[in-house]
Amino acid sequence: MSPGSYGCLYGPAGIGKTLVMAPLATLGLVIAPNAGGSLSIETFYGLRPKEERFPKDLSSAAAMVREGARTHGYIVLDDLSVLVDQCFSGDWNALGAELLDLRTACFDSAQAGAHIWAVCHEQPHRESSGKAVRGGPQLPGQYPEKWSSYCFTVLRMVADAAAAPWPYVAWSRARGDWIAKDRYNIFPDSCPANIAEGLRARGYAIPYPGGLDWAGKVVDGLAGRLAKLPDLGSWRTILRPAAEKMAKQDPRHVRWVLSDALHREMFRRAAVDLEAFFSEPEGAEEL
């Protein structure tokens, strides 16, 4: 079996990180400190995670990952930063051992074919026991670096008022004191914050959940029409009429389909954009 994906998405609170995970969460298992986080998926997309589980500690979270990798294939560790805080009893050695075991459970499960993504708050660069720790996932001590080292992909989600229609993007390029990377080389820097479409761009067959069985063909068709535009700045000319034709569908599902179509074409163009190779990267002054 070919490996799945193992990633980490981090960013400020309230920026929509859990929403980005909706396509995976609605196919599989969400492991979270409490039930409140997935409420945004239900209200924004009209669907719920296939299953939610709430571990009492990090050891039980690791066991859930190992079991979920076999039974679901899609796992979201939501609010990992909060879960770690809740599980800390004051014993740093125990916390470290449990966190590393959870990391190993995620890595091994991804190698066996599962898709596993952790969602974390962010923290700026700092020192821990005299060692520099770059800004990244909000984890104790030097674990922002230790956790990220095992991930295939680490993305920082940031606000970008110029991005449309959703004003958020993902950094896949490490910037100075911020951790980011992409071993797949499919998430261009400042790319759409759309994990599922990024994975599809690599060739993973990420299906749509029940209730959205019709979406795949529609997204394919719209992305094909967007591909004919010389400039994606005019994407509204394609997607607005399409939205009108889908007026009988749940508008939350229509929004999902339209964004996937646009992001699919954006990922495709980024993959073949030789000009980007020669361009100055965004945020170069921060490097």
C-alpha atoms as a PDB file:
ATOM      1  CA  MET A   1       0.000   0.000   0.000  1.00  0.00           C
ATOM      2  CA  SER A   2       1.341   3.447  -0.885  1.00  0.00           C
ATOM      3  CA  PRO A   3       1.745   5.987   1.934  1.00  0.00           C
ATOM      4  CA  GLY A   4      -1.022   8.405   2.773  1.00  0.00           C
ATOM      5  CA  SER A   5      -0.417  11.946   3.974  1.00  0.00           C
ATOM      6  CA  TYR A   6       0.759  13.202   7.348  1.00  0.00           C
ATOM      7  CA  GLY A   7       0.516  16.939   7.811  1.00  0.00           C
ATOM      8  CA  CYS A   8       0.127  19.734  10.291  1.00  0.00           C
ATOM      9  CA  LEU A   9      -1.806  22.951   9.747  1.00  0.00           C
ATOM     10  CA  TYR A  10      -1.285  25.726  12.262  1.00  0.00           C
ATOM     11  CA  GLY A  11      -2.334  29.339  12.586  1.00  0.00           C
ATOM     12  CA  PRO A  12      -4.096  31.860  14.816  1.00  0.00           C
ATOM     13  CA  ALA A  13      -7.332  31.001  16.564  1.00  0.00           C
ATOM     14  CA  GLY A  14     -10.515  31.649  14.590  1.00  0.00           C
ATOM     15  CA  ILE A  15      -8.903  31.698  11.140  1.00  0.00           C
ATOM     16  CA  GLY A  16     -10.794  28.633   9.859  1.00  0.00           C
ATOM     17  CA  LYS A  17      -8.292  25.822  10.368  1.00  0.00           C
ATOM     18  CA  THR A  18     -10.958  23.282  11.337  1.00  0.00           C
ATOM     19  CA  LEU A  19     -13.058  24.265   8.313  1.00  0.00           C
ATOM     20  CA  VAL A  20     -10.106  23.489   6.049  1.00  0.00           C
ATOM     21  CA  MET A  21     -10.179  19.955   7.449  1.00  0.00           C
ATOM     22  CA  ALA A  22     -13.892  19.435   6.705  1.00  0.00           C
ATOM     23  CA  PRO A  23     -13.316  17.305   3.552  1.00  0.00           C
ATOM     24  CA  LEU A  24     -11.244  14.825   5.590  1.00  0.00           C
ATOM     25  CA  ALA A  25     -13.293  15.095   8.785  1.00  0.00           C
ATOM     26  CA  THR A  26     -16.549  14.239   7.009  1.00  0.00           C
ATOM     27  CA  LEU A  27     -14.937  11.069   5.647  1.00  0.00           C
ATOM     28  CA  GLY A  28     -13.402   9.786   8.848  1.00  0.00           C
ATOM     29  CA  LEU A  29     -12.476  10.308  12.459  1.00  0.00           C
ATOM     30  CA  VAL A  30     -11.970  13.545  14.369  1.00  0.00           C
ATOM     31  CA  ILE A  31      -9.969  13.263  17.585  1.00  0.00           C
ATOM     32  CA  ALA A  32     -10.413  16.407  19.649  1.00  0.00           C
ATOM     33  CA  PRO A  33     -10.382  17.705  23.230  1.00  0.00           C
ATOM     34  CA  ASN A  34     -14.109  18.513  23.072  1.00  0.00           C
ATOM     35  CA  ALA A  35     -17.059  18.594  20.682  1.00  0.00           C
ATOM     36  CA  GLY A  36     -17.132  22.343  20.161  1.00  0.00           C
ATOM     37  CA  GLY A  37     -14.532  22.525  17.399  1.00  0.00           C
ATOM     38  CA  SER A  38     -16.532  20.628  14.789  1.00  0.00           C
ATOM     39  CA  LEU A  39     -19.532  22.928  15.147  1.00  0.00           C
ATOM     40  CA  SER A  40     -18.053  25.180  12.455  1.00  0.00           C
ATOM     41  CA  ILE A  41     -18.028  22.286   9.979  1.00  0.00           C
ATOM     42  CA  GLU A  42     -21.717  21.654  10.537  1.00  0.00           C
ATOM     43  CA  THR A  43     -22.791  25.294  10.310  1.00  0.00           C
ATOM     44  CA  PHE A  44     -20.575  26.186   7.347  1.00  0.00           C
ATOM     45  CA  TYR A  45     -20.853  22.986   5.279  1.00  0.00           C
ATOM     46  CA  GLY A  46     -24.041  21.401   6.575  1.00  0.00           C
ATOM     47  CA  LEU A  47     -22.285  18.119   7.358  1.00  0.00           C
ATOM     48  CA  ARG A  48     -20.746  16.534  10.424  1.00  0.00           C
ATOM     49  CA  PRO A  49     -17.601  14.475  10.969  1.00  0.00           C
ATOM     50  CA  LYS A  50     -18.190  10.794  10.316  1.00  0.00           C
ATOM     51  CA  GLU A  51     -17.108  10.056  13.883  1.00  0.00           C
ATOM     52  CA  GLU A  52     -15.781  12.120  16.785  1.00  0.00           C
ATOM     53  CA  ARG A  53     -13.821  10.823  19.762  1.00  0.00           C
ATOM     54  CA  PHE A  54     -12.533  12.693  22.807  1.00  0.00           C
ATOM     55  CA  PRO A  55      -9.480  11.118  24.467  1.00  0.00           C
ATOM     56  CA  LYS A  56      -8.788  11.466  28.166  1.00  0.00           C
ATOM     57  CA  ASP A  57      -5.040  11.655  27.568  1.00  0.00           C
ATOM     58  CA  LEU A  58      -2.415  11.522  24.822  1.00  0.00           C
ATOM     59  CA  SER A  59      -1.931   7.764  25.185  1.00  0.00           C
ATOM     60  CA  SER A  60      -5.592   7.137  24.419  1.00  0.00           C
ATOM     61  CA  ALA A  61      -5.315   9.603  21.508  1.00  0.00           C
ATOM     62  CA  ALA A  62      -2.451   7.526  20.087  1.00  0.00           C
ATOM     63  CA  ALA A  63      -4.544   4.368  20.436  1.00  0.00           C
ATOM     64  CA  MET A  64      -7.421   6.104  18.638  1.00  0.00           C
ATOM     65  CA  VAL A  65      -5.093   7.073  15.791  1.00  0.00           C
ATOM     66  CA  ARG A  66      -3.864   3.509  15.364  1.00  0.00           C
ATOM     67  CA  GLU A  67      -7.391   2.114  15.404  1.00  0.00           C
ATOM     68  CA  GLY A  68      -8.820   4.899  13.240  1.00  0.00           C
ATOM     69  CA  ALA A  69      -6.149   4.388  10.601  1.00  0.00           C
ATOM     70  CA  ARG A  70      -7.478   0.857  10.111  1.00  0.00           C
ATOM     71  CA  THR A  71     -11.200   1.590  10.357  1.00  0.00           C
ATOM     72  CA  HIS A  72     -11.520   5.034   8.752  1.00  0.00           C
ATOM     73  CA  GLY A  73      -8.418   5.959   6.776  1.00  0.00           C
ATOM     74  CA  TYR A  74      -8.947   9.689   7.401  1.00  0.00           C
ATOM     75  CA  ILE A  75      -8.049  11.223  10.761  1.00  0.00           C
ATOM     76  CA  VAL A  76      -8.043  14.819  11.967  1.00  0.00           C
ATOM     77  CA  LEU A  77      -6.320  15.637  15.252  1.00  0.00           C
ATOM     78  CA  ASP A  78      -8.205  18.840  15.887  1.00  0.00           C
ATOM     79  CA  ASP A  79      -7.068  21.415  18.444  1.00  0.00           C
ATOM     80  CA  LEU A  80      -3.970  19.373  19.258  1.00  0.00           C
ATOM     81  CA  SER A  81      -2.532  22.356  21.144  1.00  0.00           C
ATOM     82  CA  VAL A  82      -5.549  22.386  23.471  1.00  0.00           C
ATOM     83  CA  LEU A  83      -5.485  18.603  23.874  1.00  0.00           C
ATOM     84  CA  VAL A  84      -1.822  18.694  24.935  1.00  0.00           C
ATOM     85  CA  ASP A  85      -2.519  21.461  27.437  1.00  0.00           C
ATOM     86  CA  GLN A  86      -5.413  19.505  28.922  1.00  0.00           C
ATOM     87  CA  CYS A  87      -3.321  16.356  29.253  1.00  0.00           C
ATOM     88  CA  PHE A  88      -0.326  17.967  30.964  1.00  0.00           C
ATOM     89  CA  SER A  89      -0.176  16.874  34.607  1.00  0.00           C
ATOM     90  CA  GLY A  90       3.100  18.592  35.458  1.00  0.00           C
ATOM     91  CA  ASP A  91       5.313  15.616  34.549  1.00  0.00           C
ATOM     92  CA  TRP A  92       7.401  16.806  31.594  1.00  0.00           C
ATOM     93  CA  ASN A  93       8.982  13.384  31.023  1.00  0.00           C
ATOM     94  CA  ALA A  94       5.599  11.689  30.798  1.00  0.00           C
ATOM     95  CA  LEU A  95       4.258  14.397  28.495  1.00  0.00           C
ATOM     96  CA  GLY A  96       7.246  14.052  26.173  1.00  0.00           C
ATOM     97  CA  ALA A  97       6.978  10.271  25.992  1.00  0.00           C
ATOM     98  CA  GLU A  98       3.250  10.394  25.255  1.00  0.00           C
ATOM     99  CA  LEU A  99       3.601  13.141  22.655  1.00  0.00           C
ATOM    100  CA  LEU A 100       6.364  11.255  20.844  1.00  0.00           C
ATOM    101  CA  ASP A 101       4.250   8.083  20.897  1.00  0.00           C
ATOM    102  CA  LEU A 102       1.352  10.021  19.370  1.00  0.00           C
ATOM    103  CA  ARG A 103       3.743  11.359  16.725  1.00  0.00           C
ATOM    104  CA  THR A 104       4.900   7.824  15.941  1.00  0.00           C
ATOM    105  CA  ALA A 105       1.299   6.586  15.730  1.00  0.00           C
ATOM    106  CA  CYS A 106       0.517   9.301  13.180  1.00  0.00           C
ATOM    107  CA  PHE A 107       3.659   8.662  11.131  1.00  0.00           C
ATOM    108  CA  ASP A 108       3.280   4.884  11.064  1.00  0.00           C
ATOM    109  CA  SER A 109      -0.417   5.118  10.187  1.00  0.00           C
ATOM    110  CA  ALA A 110       0.327   7.481   7.302  1.00  0.00           C
ATOM    111  CA  GLN A 111       3.024   5.121   6.041  1.00  0.00           C
ATOM    112  CA  ALA A 112       0.364   2.399   6.051  1.00  0.00           C
ATOM    113  CA  GLY A 113      -1.892   4.491   3.791  1.00  0.00           C
ATOM    114  CA  ALA A 114      -4.012   6.665   6.099  1.00  0.00           C
ATOM    115  CA  HIS A 115      -4.388  10.431   5.775  1.00  0.00           C
ATOM    116  CA  ILE A 116      -3.655  12.105   9.108  1.00  0.00           C
ATOM    117  CA  TRP A 117      -3.612  15.854   9.743  1.00  0.00           C
ATOM    118  CA  ALA A 118      -3.106  17.715  12.997  1.00  0.00           C
ATOM    119  CA  VAL A 119      -4.521  21.186  13.605  1.00  0.00           C
ATOM    120  CA  CYS A 120      -2.709  23.461  16.042  1.00  0.00           C
ATOM    121  CA  HIS A 121      -2.733  27.025  17.257  1.00  0.00           C
ATOM    122  CA  GLU A 122       0.457  28.931  16.518  1.00  0.00           C
ATOM    123  CA  GLN A 123       3.154  30.412  18.704  1.00  0.00           C
ATOM    124  CA  PRO A 124       6.060  32.734  17.765  1.00  0.00           C
ATOM    125  CA  HIS A 125       9.716  31.786  17.917  1.00  0.00           C
ATOM    126  CA  ARG A 126      11.237  31.517  21.367  1.00  0.00           C
ATOM    127  CA  GLU A 127      13.899  29.740  23.402  1.00  0.00           C
ATOM    128  CA  SER A 128      13.424  26.464  25.250  1.00  0.00           C
ATOM    129  CA  SER A 129      16.165  25.178  27.554  1.00  0.00           C
ATOM    130  CA  GLY A 130      18.623  27.458  25.829  1.00  0.00           C
ATOM    131  CA  LYS A 131      17.735  26.274  22.323  1.00  0.00           C
ATOM    132  CA  ALA A 132      16.005  28.361  19.669  1.00  0.00           C
ATOM    133  CA  VAL A 133      12.579  27.090  18.637  1.00  0.00           C
ATOM    134  CA  ARG A 134      11.077  28.551  15.483  1.00  0.00           C
ATOM    135  CA  GLY A 135       7.530  29.802  15.377  1.00  0.00           C
ATOM    136  CA  GLY A 136       5.150  26.995  14.546  1.00  0.00           C
ATOM    137  CA  PRO A 137       2.566  24.657  16.070  1.00  0.00           C
ATOM    138  CA  GLN A 138       1.755  25.629  19.654  1.00  0.00           C
ATOM    139  CA  LEU A 139       3.330  22.727  21.533  1.00  0.00           C
ATOM    140  CA  PRO A 140       5.470  22.751  24.684  1.00  0.00           C
ATOM    141  CA  GLY A 141       9.247  22.889  24.836  1.00  0.00           C
ATOM    142  CA  GLN A 142      11.019  21.941  21.619  1.00  0.00           C
ATOM    143  CA  TYR A 143       8.094  19.896  20.314  1.00  0.00           C
ATOM    144  CA  PRO A 144       7.101  22.395  17.599  1.00  0.00           C
ATOM    145  CA  GLU A 145      10.330  21.297  15.860  1.00  0.00           C
ATOM    146  CA  LYS A 146      10.167  17.647  16.934  1.00  0.00           C
ATOM    147  CA  TRP A 147       6.555  17.202  15.806  1.00  0.00           C
ATOM    148  CA  SER A 148       7.112  18.998  12.503  1.00  0.00           C
ATOM    149  CA  SER A 149      10.203  16.943  11.685  1.00  0.00           C
ATOM    150  CA  TYR A 150       8.072  13.815  11.193  1.00  0.00           C
ATOM    151  CA  CYS A 151       5.343  15.502   9.137  1.00  0.00           C
ATOM    152  CA  PHE A 152       5.364  15.267   5.348  1.00  0.00           C
ATOM    153  CA  THR A 153       3.763  18.713   5.144  1.00  0.00           C
ATOM    154  CA  VAL A 154       3.602  21.639   7.566  1.00  0.00           C
ATOM    155  CA  LEU A 155       1.494  24.628   6.537  1.00  0.00           C
ATOM    156  CA  ARG A 156       0.948  27.937   8.298  1.00  0.00           C
ATOM    157  CA  MET A 157      -2.492  29.415   7.620  1.00  0.00           C
ATOM    158  CA  VAL A 158      -2.528  33.206   7.443  1.00  0.00           C
ATOM    159  CA  ALA A 159      -5.010  35.926   6.577  1.00  0.00           C
ATOM    160  CA  ASP A 160      -4.617  37.502   3.134  1.00  0.00           C
ATOM    161  CA  ALA A 161      -7.136  40.185   2.198  1.00  0.00           C
ATOM    162  CA  ALA A 162      -6.119  39.887  -1.472  1.00  0.00           C
ATOM    163  CA  ALA A 163      -7.082  36.204  -1.701  1.00  0.00           C
ATOM    164  CA  ALA A 164     -10.524  35.553  -3.169  1.00  0.00           C
ATOM    165  CA  PRO A 165     -13.094  34.347  -2.500  1.00  0.00           C
ATOM    166  CA  TRP A 166     -11.710  33.217   0.881  1.00  0.00           C
ATOM    167  CA  PRO A 167      -9.246  35.682   2.470  1.00  0.00           C
ATOM    168  CA  TYR A 168      -6.849  33.026   3.784  1.00  0.00           C
ATOM    169  CA  VAL A 169      -3.838  31.251   2.314  1.00  0.00           C
ATOM    170  CA  ALA A 170      -1.313  28.639   3.436  1.00  0.00           C
ATOM    171  CA  TRP A 171       2.421  29.156   3.626  1.00  0.00           C
ATOM    172  CA  SER A 172       4.386  26.099   2.548  1.00  0.00           C
ATOM    173  CA  ARG A 173       7.767  27.872   2.486  1.00  0.00           C
ATOM    174  CA  ALA A 174       9.688  28.334   5.732  1.00  0.00           C
ATOM    175  CA  ARG A 175      10.022  32.035   6.482  1.00  0.00           C
ATOM    176  CA  GLY A 176      12.764  33.098   8.847  1.00  0.00           C
ATOM    177  CA  ASP A 177      11.454  32.117  12.250  1.00  0.00           C
ATOM    178  CA  TRP A 178       8.353  30.231  11.019  1.00  0.00           C
ATOM    179  CA  ILE A 179       8.256  26.485  10.291  1.00  0.00           C
ATOM    180  CA  ALA A 180       6.762  25.315   6.982  1.00  0.00           C
ATOM    181  CA  LYS A 181       7.583  22.599   4.460  1.00  0.00           C
ATOM    182  CA  ASP A 182       6.074  20.390   1.787  1.00  0.00           C
ATOM    183  CA  ARG A 183       7.797  17.120   0.882  1.00  0.00           C
ATOM    184  CA  TYR A 184       5.135  16.517  -1.779  1.00  0.00           C
ATOM    185  CA  ASN A 185       6.082  19.733  -3.593  1.00  0.00           C
ATOM    186  CA  ILE A 186       2.420  20.298  -4.464  1.00  0.00           C
ATOM    187  CA  PHE A 187       1.433  23.110  -2.119  1.00  0.00           C
ATOM    188  CA  PRO A 188       2.828  26.291  -3.678  1.00  0.00           C
ATOM    189  CA  ASP A 189       3.706  29.042  -1.255  1.00  0.00           C
ATOM    190  CA  SER A 190       0.714  31.238  -0.366  1.00  0.00           C
ATOM    191  CA  CYS A 191      -1.541  28.599  -1.922  1.00  0.00           C
ATOM    192  CA  PRO A 192      -5.286  28.155  -1.334  1.00  0.00           C
ATOM    193  CA  ALA A 193      -5.979  26.814   2.145  1.00  0.00           C
ATOM    194  CA  ASN A 194      -7.577  23.687   0.678  1.00  0.00           C
ATOM    195  CA  ILE A 195      -5.923  20.495   1.902  1.00  0.00           C
ATOM    196  CA  ALA A 196      -8.167  18.093  -0.022  1.00  0.00           C
ATOM    197  CA  GLU A 197      -7.557  19.788  -3.368  1.00  0.00           C
ATOM    198  CA  GLY A 198      -3.829  19.854  -2.699  1.00  0.00           C
ATOM    199  CA  LEU A 199      -3.867  16.109  -2.053  1.00  0.00           C
ATOM    200  CA  ARG A 200      -5.970  15.517  -5.160  1.00  0.00           C
ATOM    201  CA  ALA A 201      -3.377  17.472  -7.131  1.00  0.00           C
ATOM    202  CA  ARG A 202      -0.817  14.897  -6.032  1.00  0.00           C
ATOM    203  CA  GLY A 203      -3.046  12.089  -7.250  1.00  0.00           C
ATOM    204  CA  TYR A 204      -4.808  10.980  -4.084  1.00  0.00           C
ATOM    205  CA  ALA A 205      -8.417   9.944  -4.715  1.00  0.00           C
ATOM    206  CA  ILE A 206     -10.113  11.927  -1.953  1.00  0.00           C
ATOM    207  CA  PRO A 207     -13.865  11.265  -2.364  1.00  0.00           C
ATOM    208  CA  TYR A 208     -16.704  13.555  -1.369  1.00  0.00           C
ATOM    209  CA  PRO A 209     -18.804  12.535   1.633  1.00  0.00           C
ATOM    210  CA  GLY A 210     -22.320  11.186   1.458  1.00  0.00           C
ATOM    211  CA  GLY A 211     -24.724  13.929   0.473  1.00  0.00           C
ATOM    212  CA  LEU A 212     -22.178  15.361  -1.928  1.00  0.00           C
ATOM    213  CA  ASP A 213     -21.878  12.390  -4.265  1.00  0.00           C
ATOM    214  CA  TRP A 214     -22.782  14.656  -7.189  1.00  0.00           C
ATOM    215  CA  ALA A 215     -19.997  17.126  -6.437  1.00  0.00           C
ATOM    216  CA  GLY A 216     -17.038  15.363  -8.060  1.00  0.00           C
ATOM    217  CA  LYS A 217     -18.288  15.571 -11.640  1.00  0.00           C
ATOM    218  CA  VAL A 218     -19.430  19.163 -11.189  1.00  0.00           C
ATOM    219  CA  VAL A 219     -16.041  20.232  -9.818  1.00  0.00           C
ATOM    220  CA  ASP A 220     -14.283  18.483 -12.713  1.00  0.00           C
ATOM    221  CA  GLY A 221     -16.481  20.247 -15.246  1.00  0.00           C
ATOM    222  CA  LEU A 222     -16.103  23.691 -13.690  1.00  0.00           C
ATOM    223  CA  ALA A 223     -12.352  23.314 -13.302  1.00  0.00           C
ATOM    224  CA  GLY A 224     -12.164  22.396 -16.994  1.00  0.00           C
ATOM    225  CA  ARG A 225     -14.032  25.568 -17.919  1.00  0.00           C
ATOM    226  CA  LEU A 226     -11.827  27.665 -15.662  1.00  0.00           C
ATOM    227  CA  ALA A 227      -8.785  26.182 -17.401  1.00  0.00           C
ATOM    228  CA  LYS A 228      -9.855  27.933 -20.604  1.00  0.00           C
ATOM    229  CA  LEU A 229      -9.626  31.376 -19.011  1.00  0.00           C
ATOM    230  CA  PRO A 230      -6.415  33.218 -19.860  1.00  0.00           C
ATOM    231  CA  ASP A 231      -6.558  34.912 -16.469  1.00  0.00           C
ATOM    232  CA  LEU A 232      -8.155  33.439 -13.363  1.00  0.00           C
ATOM    233  CA  GLY A 233      -8.989  36.947 -12.217  1.00  0.00           C
ATOM    234  CA  SER A 234     -12.228  36.547 -14.171  1.00  0.00           C
ATOM    235  CA  TRP A 235     -13.265  33.325 -12.389  1.00  0.00           C
ATOM    236  CA  ARG A 236     -16.599  34.874 -11.401  1.00  0.00           C
ATOM    237  CA  THR A 237     -17.751  34.780 -15.040  1.00  0.00           C
ATOM    238  CA  ILE A 238     -17.703  30.974 -14.829  1.00  0.00           C
ATOM    239  CA  LEU A 239     -18.706  30.309 -11.255  1.00  0.00           C
ATOM    240  CA  ARG A 240     -21.537  32.809 -10.815  1.00  0.00           C
ATOM    241  CA  PRO A 241     -23.747  31.253 -13.567  1.00  0.00           C
ATOM    242  CA  ALA A 242     -22.845  27.814 -12.227  1.00  0.00           C
ATOM    243  CA  ALA A 243     -24.064  28.816  -8.779  1.00  0.00           C
ATOM    244  CA  GLU A 244     -27.364  29.955 -10.269  1.00  0.00           C
ATOM    245  CA  LYS A 245     -27.833  26.569 -11.947  1.00  0.00           C
ATOM    246  CA  MET A 246     -27.291  24.835  -8.594  1.00  0.00           C
ATOM    247  CA  ALA A 247     -29.890  26.991  -6.839  1.00  0.00           C
ATOM    248  CA  LYS A 248     -31.847  23.932  -5.646  1.00  0.00           C
ATOM    249  CA  GLN A 249     -28.834  22.513  -3.827  1.00  0.00           C
ATOM    250  CA  ASP A 250     -27.899  23.425  -0.274  1.00  0.00           C
ATOM    251  CA  PRO A 251     -26.015  26.746  -0.654  1.00  0.00           C
ATOM    252  CA  ARG A 252     -23.383  25.504   1.783  1.00  0.00           C
ATOM    253  CA  HIS A 253     -22.636  22.591  -0.535  1.00  0.00           C
ATOM    254  CA  VAL A 254     -22.613  24.876  -3.558  1.00  0.00           C
ATOM    255  CA  ARG A 255     -20.026  27.066  -1.841  1.00  0.00           C
ATOM    256  CA  TRP A 256     -17.883  23.985  -1.222  1.00  0.00           C
ATOM    257  CA  VAL A 257     -18.103  22.867  -4.861  1.00  0.00           C
ATOM    258  CA  LEU A 258     -17.327  26.300  -6.284  1.00  0.00           C
ATOM    259  CA  SER A 259     -14.281  26.792  -4.093  1.00  0.00           C
ATOM    260  CA  ASP A 260     -12.941  23.327  -4.944  1.00  0.00           C
ATOM    261  CA  ALA A 261     -13.291  24.026  -8.665  1.00  0.00           C
ATOM    262  CA  LEU A 262     -11.416  27.312  -8.408  1.00  0.00           C
ATOM    263  CA  HIS A 263      -8.708  25.906  -6.148  1.00  0.00           C
ATOM    264  CA  ARG A 264      -8.249  22.841  -8.365  1.00  0.00           C
ATOM    265  CA  GLU A 265      -7.412  25.068 -11.312  1.00  0.00           C
ATOM    266  CA  MET A 266      -5.186  27.261  -9.127  1.00  0.00           C
ATOM    267  CA  PHE A 267      -3.176  24.225  -8.023  1.00  0.00           C
ATOM    268  CA  ARG A 268      -2.952  23.030 -11.635  1.00  0.00           C
ATOM    269  CA  ARG A 269      -1.666  26.361 -12.883  1.00  0.00           C
ATOM    270  CA  ALA A 270       0.865  26.624 -10.077  1.00  0.00           C
ATOM    271  CA  ALA A 271       2.261  23.211 -11.025  1.00  0.00           C
ATOM    272  CA  VAL A 272       3.008  24.326 -14.596  1.00  0.00           C
ATOM    273  CA  ASP A 273       3.923  27.968 -13.921  1.00  0.00           C
ATOM    274  CA  LEU A 274       7.571  28.255 -14.937  1.00  0.00           C
ATOM    275  CA  GLU A 275       7.457  32.022 -14.429  1.00  0.00           C
ATOM    276  CA  ALA A 276       7.006  31.429 -10.700  1.00  0.00           C
ATOM    277  CA  PHE A 277      10.411  29.751 -10.692  1.00  0.00           C
ATOM    278  CA  PHE A 278      12.041  33.060 -11.581  1.00  0.00           C
ATOM    279  CA  SER A 279       9.854  35.322  -9.475  1.00  0.00           C
ATOM    280  CA  GLU A 280      10.708  36.812  -6.106  1.00  0.00           C
ATOM    281  CA  PRO A 281       8.794  34.823  -3.455  1.00  0.00           C
ATOM    282  CA  GLU A 282       6.144  36.603  -1.427  1.00  0.00           C
ATOM    283  CA  GLY A 283       7.460  37.642   1.944  1.00  0.00           C
ATOM    284  CA  ALA A 284      11.059  37.428   0.747  1.00  0.00           C
ATOM    285  CA  GLU A 285      11.926  40.295   3.057  1.00  0.00           C
ATOM    286  CA  GLU A 286      11.100  37.998   5.975  1.00  0.00           C
ATOM    287  CA  LEU A 287      13.502  35.261   4.923  1.00  0.00           C
END
